[in-house]
N, C-alpha and C. Protein backbone atom coordinates (compact mmCIF):
# COMPACT_ATOMS: atom_id res chain seq x y z
N UNK A 1 -2.62 14.35 8.59
CA UNK A 1 -3.47 15.35 8.15
C UNK A 1 -4.92 14.93 8.22
N UNK A 2 -5.81 15.80 8.35
CA UNK A 2 -7.22 15.54 8.45
C UNK A 2 -8.00 16.27 7.35
N UNK A 3 -8.83 15.58 6.64
CA UNK A 3 -9.64 16.17 5.58
C UNK A 3 -11.06 16.33 6.11
N UNK A 4 -11.71 17.55 5.84
CA UNK A 4 -13.05 17.75 6.28
C UNK A 4 -13.76 18.74 5.45
N UNK A 5 -15.11 18.81 5.64
CA UNK A 5 -15.88 19.83 5.01
C UNK A 5 -15.87 19.77 3.48
N UNK A 6 -15.71 18.61 2.89
CA UNK A 6 -15.77 18.50 1.44
C UNK A 6 -17.16 18.75 0.89
N UNK A 7 -17.20 19.65 -0.03
CA UNK A 7 -18.39 19.82 -0.89
C UNK A 7 -17.92 20.25 -2.25
N UNK A 8 -18.80 20.32 -3.21
CA UNK A 8 -18.39 20.66 -4.64
C UNK A 8 -17.50 21.85 -4.60
N UNK A 9 -16.29 21.70 -5.07
CA UNK A 9 -15.29 22.87 -5.18
C UNK A 9 -14.62 23.35 -3.95
N UNK A 10 -14.73 22.57 -2.84
CA UNK A 10 -14.19 23.08 -1.56
C UNK A 10 -13.83 21.94 -0.62
N UNK A 11 -12.68 22.02 0.05
CA UNK A 11 -12.35 21.03 1.08
C UNK A 11 -11.44 21.76 2.13
N UNK A 12 -11.39 21.23 3.31
CA UNK A 12 -10.50 21.65 4.32
C UNK A 12 -9.49 20.60 4.56
N UNK A 13 -8.20 20.99 4.62
CA UNK A 13 -7.10 20.12 4.97
C UNK A 13 -6.44 20.76 6.19
N UNK A 14 -6.62 20.07 7.34
CA UNK A 14 -6.18 20.55 8.63
C UNK A 14 -6.63 22.03 8.83
N UNK A 15 -7.89 22.28 8.59
CA UNK A 15 -8.56 23.55 8.85
C UNK A 15 -8.14 24.66 7.78
N UNK A 16 -7.39 24.33 6.81
CA UNK A 16 -7.06 25.27 5.72
C UNK A 16 -7.98 24.90 4.53
N UNK A 17 -8.69 25.93 4.04
CA UNK A 17 -9.63 25.82 2.95
C UNK A 17 -8.93 25.87 1.63
N UNK A 18 -9.30 24.84 0.83
CA UNK A 18 -8.81 24.71 -0.56
C UNK A 18 -10.05 24.78 -1.52
N UNK A 19 -9.86 25.54 -2.58
CA UNK A 19 -10.89 25.63 -3.59
C UNK A 19 -10.39 25.27 -4.95
N UNK A 20 -9.32 24.62 -5.01
CA UNK A 20 -8.78 24.06 -6.21
C UNK A 20 -8.34 22.63 -5.90
N UNK A 21 -8.17 21.85 -6.94
CA UNK A 21 -7.70 20.46 -6.77
C UNK A 21 -6.48 20.37 -5.94
N UNK A 22 -6.34 19.41 -5.09
CA UNK A 22 -5.26 19.41 -4.12
C UNK A 22 -4.60 18.08 -4.00
N UNK A 23 -3.32 18.11 -3.73
CA UNK A 23 -2.54 16.87 -3.40
C UNK A 23 -2.17 16.93 -1.90
N UNK A 24 -2.58 15.89 -1.22
CA UNK A 24 -2.22 15.71 0.19
C UNK A 24 -1.10 14.65 0.19
N UNK A 25 0.12 15.18 0.24
CA UNK A 25 1.25 14.21 0.24
C UNK A 25 1.69 13.95 1.66
N UNK A 26 2.66 13.12 1.82
CA UNK A 26 3.18 12.83 3.14
C UNK A 26 3.89 14.03 3.73
N UNK A 27 4.48 14.83 2.91
CA UNK A 27 5.33 15.91 3.36
C UNK A 27 4.73 17.32 3.23
N UNK A 28 3.67 17.38 2.40
CA UNK A 28 3.11 18.74 2.15
C UNK A 28 1.72 18.60 1.51
N UNK A 29 1.05 19.80 1.44
CA UNK A 29 -0.22 19.92 0.80
C UNK A 29 -0.02 20.99 -0.29
N UNK A 30 -0.42 20.71 -1.52
CA UNK A 30 -0.14 21.69 -2.61
C UNK A 30 -1.32 21.44 -3.66
N UNK A 31 -1.39 22.46 -4.60
CA UNK A 31 -2.32 22.29 -5.69
C UNK A 31 -2.01 21.09 -6.59
N UNK A 32 -3.00 20.50 -7.15
CA UNK A 32 -2.81 19.39 -8.04
C UNK A 32 -3.21 19.79 -9.49
N UNK A 33 -2.31 20.00 -10.25
CA UNK A 33 -2.57 20.38 -11.66
C UNK A 33 -2.20 19.15 -12.57
N UNK A 34 -3.07 18.86 -13.49
CA UNK A 34 -2.93 17.76 -14.36
C UNK A 34 -2.73 18.17 -15.79
N UNK A 35 -2.15 17.33 -16.52
CA UNK A 35 -1.84 17.50 -17.98
C UNK A 35 -3.19 17.77 -18.75
N UNK A 36 -4.19 17.02 -18.37
CA UNK A 36 -5.45 17.05 -19.07
C UNK A 36 -6.56 17.12 -18.05
N UNK A 37 -7.54 17.99 -18.19
CA UNK A 37 -8.59 18.21 -17.24
C UNK A 37 -9.16 17.05 -16.52
N UNK A 38 -9.73 16.11 -17.18
CA UNK A 38 -10.48 15.01 -16.55
C UNK A 38 -9.83 13.64 -16.74
N UNK A 39 -8.57 13.64 -17.10
CA UNK A 39 -7.86 12.33 -17.21
C UNK A 39 -6.53 12.49 -16.44
N UNK A 40 -6.20 11.41 -15.75
CA UNK A 40 -4.93 11.35 -14.99
C UNK A 40 -3.96 10.53 -15.71
N UNK A 41 -2.80 11.18 -16.13
CA UNK A 41 -1.76 10.49 -16.80
C UNK A 41 -0.60 10.17 -15.81
N UNK A 42 0.31 9.33 -16.17
CA UNK A 42 1.41 9.01 -15.26
C UNK A 42 2.11 10.09 -14.65
N UNK A 43 2.34 11.18 -15.42
CA UNK A 43 3.14 12.36 -14.86
C UNK A 43 2.29 13.12 -13.87
N UNK A 44 0.98 12.93 -13.86
CA UNK A 44 0.16 13.60 -12.88
C UNK A 44 0.27 12.99 -11.52
N UNK A 45 0.90 11.83 -11.38
CA UNK A 45 1.08 11.16 -10.14
C UNK A 45 2.50 11.20 -9.61
N UNK A 46 3.38 11.83 -10.34
CA UNK A 46 4.84 11.81 -9.97
C UNK A 46 5.14 12.34 -8.57
N UNK A 47 4.49 13.41 -8.19
CA UNK A 47 4.76 13.97 -6.83
C UNK A 47 4.31 12.95 -5.77
N UNK A 48 3.22 12.29 -5.90
CA UNK A 48 2.80 11.27 -4.96
C UNK A 48 3.73 10.08 -4.95
N UNK A 49 4.12 9.64 -6.13
CA UNK A 49 4.95 8.48 -6.28
C UNK A 49 6.31 8.78 -5.60
N UNK A 50 6.76 9.98 -5.67
CA UNK A 50 8.16 10.40 -5.15
C UNK A 50 8.07 10.30 -3.60
N UNK A 51 6.93 10.33 -2.98
CA UNK A 51 6.76 10.18 -1.55
C UNK A 51 6.86 8.70 -1.08
N UNK A 52 6.83 7.82 -2.03
CA UNK A 52 6.96 6.38 -1.81
C UNK A 52 5.88 5.93 -0.74
N UNK A 53 4.53 6.23 -1.03
CA UNK A 53 3.51 5.84 -0.07
C UNK A 53 3.17 4.37 -0.25
N UNK A 54 2.41 3.87 0.65
CA UNK A 54 1.83 2.49 0.54
C UNK A 54 0.53 2.54 -0.31
N UNK A 55 -0.16 3.66 -0.27
CA UNK A 55 -1.40 3.81 -0.89
C UNK A 55 -1.59 5.21 -1.44
N UNK A 56 -2.16 5.28 -2.66
CA UNK A 56 -2.49 6.54 -3.32
C UNK A 56 -4.05 6.45 -3.48
N UNK A 57 -4.70 7.52 -3.01
CA UNK A 57 -6.14 7.65 -3.13
C UNK A 57 -6.39 8.75 -4.10
N UNK A 58 -7.14 8.52 -5.10
CA UNK A 58 -7.51 9.50 -6.11
C UNK A 58 -9.04 9.82 -5.97
N UNK A 59 -9.34 11.08 -5.64
CA UNK A 59 -10.77 11.53 -5.61
C UNK A 59 -11.13 11.97 -7.02
N UNK A 60 -12.09 11.24 -7.59
CA UNK A 60 -12.50 11.48 -9.00
C UNK A 60 -13.53 12.50 -9.26
N UNK A 61 -13.76 13.32 -8.21
CA UNK A 61 -14.77 14.42 -8.38
C UNK A 61 -16.06 14.13 -7.69
N UNK A 62 -16.90 15.11 -7.58
CA UNK A 62 -18.20 15.01 -6.98
C UNK A 62 -19.03 13.93 -7.62
N UNK A 63 -18.99 13.92 -9.00
CA UNK A 63 -19.81 12.92 -9.77
C UNK A 63 -18.94 11.77 -10.29
N UNK A 64 -17.62 11.82 -10.09
CA UNK A 64 -16.73 10.77 -10.50
C UNK A 64 -16.31 10.85 -11.97
N UNK A 65 -16.22 12.09 -12.55
CA UNK A 65 -15.95 12.28 -13.92
C UNK A 65 -14.42 12.12 -14.27
N UNK A 66 -13.54 12.32 -13.28
CA UNK A 66 -12.14 12.17 -13.48
C UNK A 66 -11.84 10.69 -13.69
N UNK A 67 -11.03 10.40 -14.70
CA UNK A 67 -10.66 9.01 -15.01
C UNK A 67 -9.14 8.83 -15.06
N UNK A 68 -8.66 7.75 -14.53
CA UNK A 68 -7.25 7.39 -14.67
C UNK A 68 -6.97 6.67 -15.98
N UNK A 69 -5.87 7.05 -16.66
CA UNK A 69 -5.42 6.31 -17.83
C UNK A 69 -4.96 4.98 -17.43
N UNK A 70 -5.09 4.03 -18.33
CA UNK A 70 -4.47 2.66 -17.96
C UNK A 70 -2.94 2.78 -17.62
N UNK A 71 -2.29 3.62 -18.37
CA UNK A 71 -0.87 3.84 -18.09
C UNK A 71 -0.60 4.32 -16.64
N UNK A 72 -1.45 5.23 -16.18
CA UNK A 72 -1.29 5.74 -14.84
C UNK A 72 -1.52 4.65 -13.84
N UNK A 73 -2.57 3.87 -14.03
CA UNK A 73 -2.87 2.77 -13.08
C UNK A 73 -1.69 1.73 -13.05
N UNK A 74 -1.17 1.41 -14.28
CA UNK A 74 -0.17 0.41 -14.37
C UNK A 74 1.14 0.88 -13.69
N UNK A 75 1.46 2.22 -13.82
CA UNK A 75 2.66 2.80 -13.24
C UNK A 75 2.65 2.71 -11.73
N UNK A 76 1.44 2.93 -11.14
CA UNK A 76 1.33 2.79 -9.69
C UNK A 76 1.50 1.33 -9.20
N UNK A 77 0.77 0.47 -9.89
CA UNK A 77 0.81 -1.00 -9.50
C UNK A 77 2.18 -1.55 -9.72
N UNK A 78 2.89 -1.09 -10.75
CA UNK A 78 4.21 -1.61 -11.08
C UNK A 78 5.17 -1.35 -9.91
N UNK A 79 4.96 -0.24 -9.19
CA UNK A 79 5.82 0.17 -8.09
C UNK A 79 5.38 -0.48 -6.79
N UNK A 80 4.39 -1.34 -6.86
CA UNK A 80 3.83 -2.04 -5.67
C UNK A 80 3.10 -1.18 -4.70
N UNK A 81 2.52 -0.08 -5.25
CA UNK A 81 1.73 0.79 -4.44
C UNK A 81 0.23 0.53 -4.69
N UNK A 82 -0.55 0.44 -3.67
CA UNK A 82 -1.97 0.29 -3.84
C UNK A 82 -2.62 1.59 -4.30
N UNK A 83 -3.62 1.42 -5.15
CA UNK A 83 -4.34 2.58 -5.72
C UNK A 83 -5.84 2.39 -5.44
N UNK A 84 -6.40 3.49 -4.94
CA UNK A 84 -7.89 3.48 -4.73
C UNK A 84 -8.44 4.70 -5.41
N UNK A 85 -9.36 4.57 -6.31
CA UNK A 85 -9.99 5.69 -7.01
C UNK A 85 -11.49 5.65 -6.66
N UNK A 86 -12.01 6.75 -6.20
CA UNK A 86 -13.40 6.81 -5.85
C UNK A 86 -13.87 8.28 -5.98
N UNK A 87 -15.18 8.46 -6.00
CA UNK A 87 -15.73 9.79 -5.92
C UNK A 87 -15.15 10.53 -4.71
N UNK A 88 -14.91 11.78 -4.88
CA UNK A 88 -14.15 12.57 -3.89
C UNK A 88 -14.68 12.47 -2.46
N UNK A 89 -15.95 12.44 -2.30
CA UNK A 89 -16.51 12.31 -0.91
C UNK A 89 -16.13 10.97 -0.33
N UNK A 90 -16.11 9.90 -1.13
CA UNK A 90 -15.73 8.58 -0.65
C UNK A 90 -14.21 8.58 -0.36
N UNK A 91 -13.51 9.20 -1.26
CA UNK A 91 -11.98 9.27 -1.13
C UNK A 91 -11.60 10.00 0.17
N UNK A 92 -12.32 11.04 0.48
CA UNK A 92 -11.98 11.78 1.72
C UNK A 92 -12.25 10.86 2.96
N UNK A 93 -13.31 10.14 3.00
CA UNK A 93 -13.63 9.20 4.07
C UNK A 93 -12.54 8.11 4.13
N UNK A 94 -12.17 7.60 2.97
CA UNK A 94 -11.14 6.54 2.94
C UNK A 94 -9.87 7.04 3.45
N UNK A 95 -9.43 8.24 3.04
CA UNK A 95 -8.20 8.84 3.53
C UNK A 95 -8.20 9.00 5.02
N UNK A 96 -9.26 9.58 5.58
CA UNK A 96 -9.35 9.84 6.98
C UNK A 96 -9.19 8.60 7.79
N UNK A 97 -9.70 7.48 7.28
CA UNK A 97 -9.63 6.19 7.93
C UNK A 97 -8.28 5.50 7.73
N UNK A 98 -7.80 5.45 6.49
CA UNK A 98 -6.60 4.68 6.20
C UNK A 98 -5.24 5.37 6.51
N UNK A 99 -5.25 6.68 6.38
CA UNK A 99 -3.99 7.47 6.61
C UNK A 99 -3.50 7.39 8.06
N UNK A 100 -4.35 6.95 8.97
CA UNK A 100 -3.95 6.76 10.32
C UNK A 100 -3.04 5.56 10.57
N UNK A 101 -3.15 4.61 9.57
CA UNK A 101 -2.46 3.33 9.73
C UNK A 101 -1.45 3.10 8.68
N UNK A 102 -1.56 3.86 7.50
CA UNK A 102 -0.64 3.59 6.44
C UNK A 102 -0.13 4.87 5.86
N UNK A 103 1.02 4.81 5.13
CA UNK A 103 1.59 5.95 4.46
C UNK A 103 0.63 6.19 3.21
N UNK A 104 -0.09 7.27 3.25
CA UNK A 104 -1.15 7.50 2.30
C UNK A 104 -1.08 8.94 1.68
N UNK A 105 -1.21 8.98 0.38
CA UNK A 105 -1.31 10.27 -0.34
C UNK A 105 -2.69 10.35 -0.91
N UNK A 106 -3.25 11.50 -0.99
CA UNK A 106 -4.60 11.74 -1.59
C UNK A 106 -4.43 12.78 -2.68
N UNK A 107 -4.94 12.51 -3.83
CA UNK A 107 -4.98 13.46 -4.92
C UNK A 107 -6.49 13.71 -5.21
N UNK A 108 -6.94 14.90 -5.01
CA UNK A 108 -8.43 15.14 -4.98
C UNK A 108 -8.86 16.13 -5.98
N UNK A 109 -9.79 15.67 -6.86
CA UNK A 109 -10.43 16.58 -7.81
C UNK A 109 -11.72 17.11 -7.06
N UNK A 110 -11.87 18.39 -6.95
CA UNK A 110 -12.89 18.89 -6.08
C UNK A 110 -14.24 19.19 -6.73
N UNK A 111 -14.23 19.29 -8.10
CA UNK A 111 -15.44 19.56 -8.80
C UNK A 111 -15.92 18.36 -9.63
N UNK A 112 -16.83 18.50 -10.54
CA UNK A 112 -17.34 17.52 -11.47
C UNK A 112 -17.58 16.17 -10.85
C-alpha cells in the first residue's frame, strides 16, 4: 500500500481518502479507534499484532501529541516486533520506505 497526501486530518491510502485515524494492516485498511484519545494502550495495538508484522509504525499526530503507554511498548517488544513512533508526517515517510522491504503495519493519528 502507498500512503500519500498527508496533512492535518487527512491522508490517502492507495488513493482512498481517510479523514479519521487509520490502521494500515497487512491485510486491510480500517479506522483506528483507541480506548483513550491521546494514549495508546496494549489493546489499541491488537489488530496490528494479530498480523504478526516485523514492524509497527505509530504516527503520533501532526504535533506528536499521541503517546504510547509503557505497557503498549513492552507488549510489542515482548513479541519481538520492532516499534517506531514518530510524528505522522515522518511515520508516513518511514512506512513508504520500509513497507517495501518488511512486513509493516502503520497506525496513524491524523490530527493533533
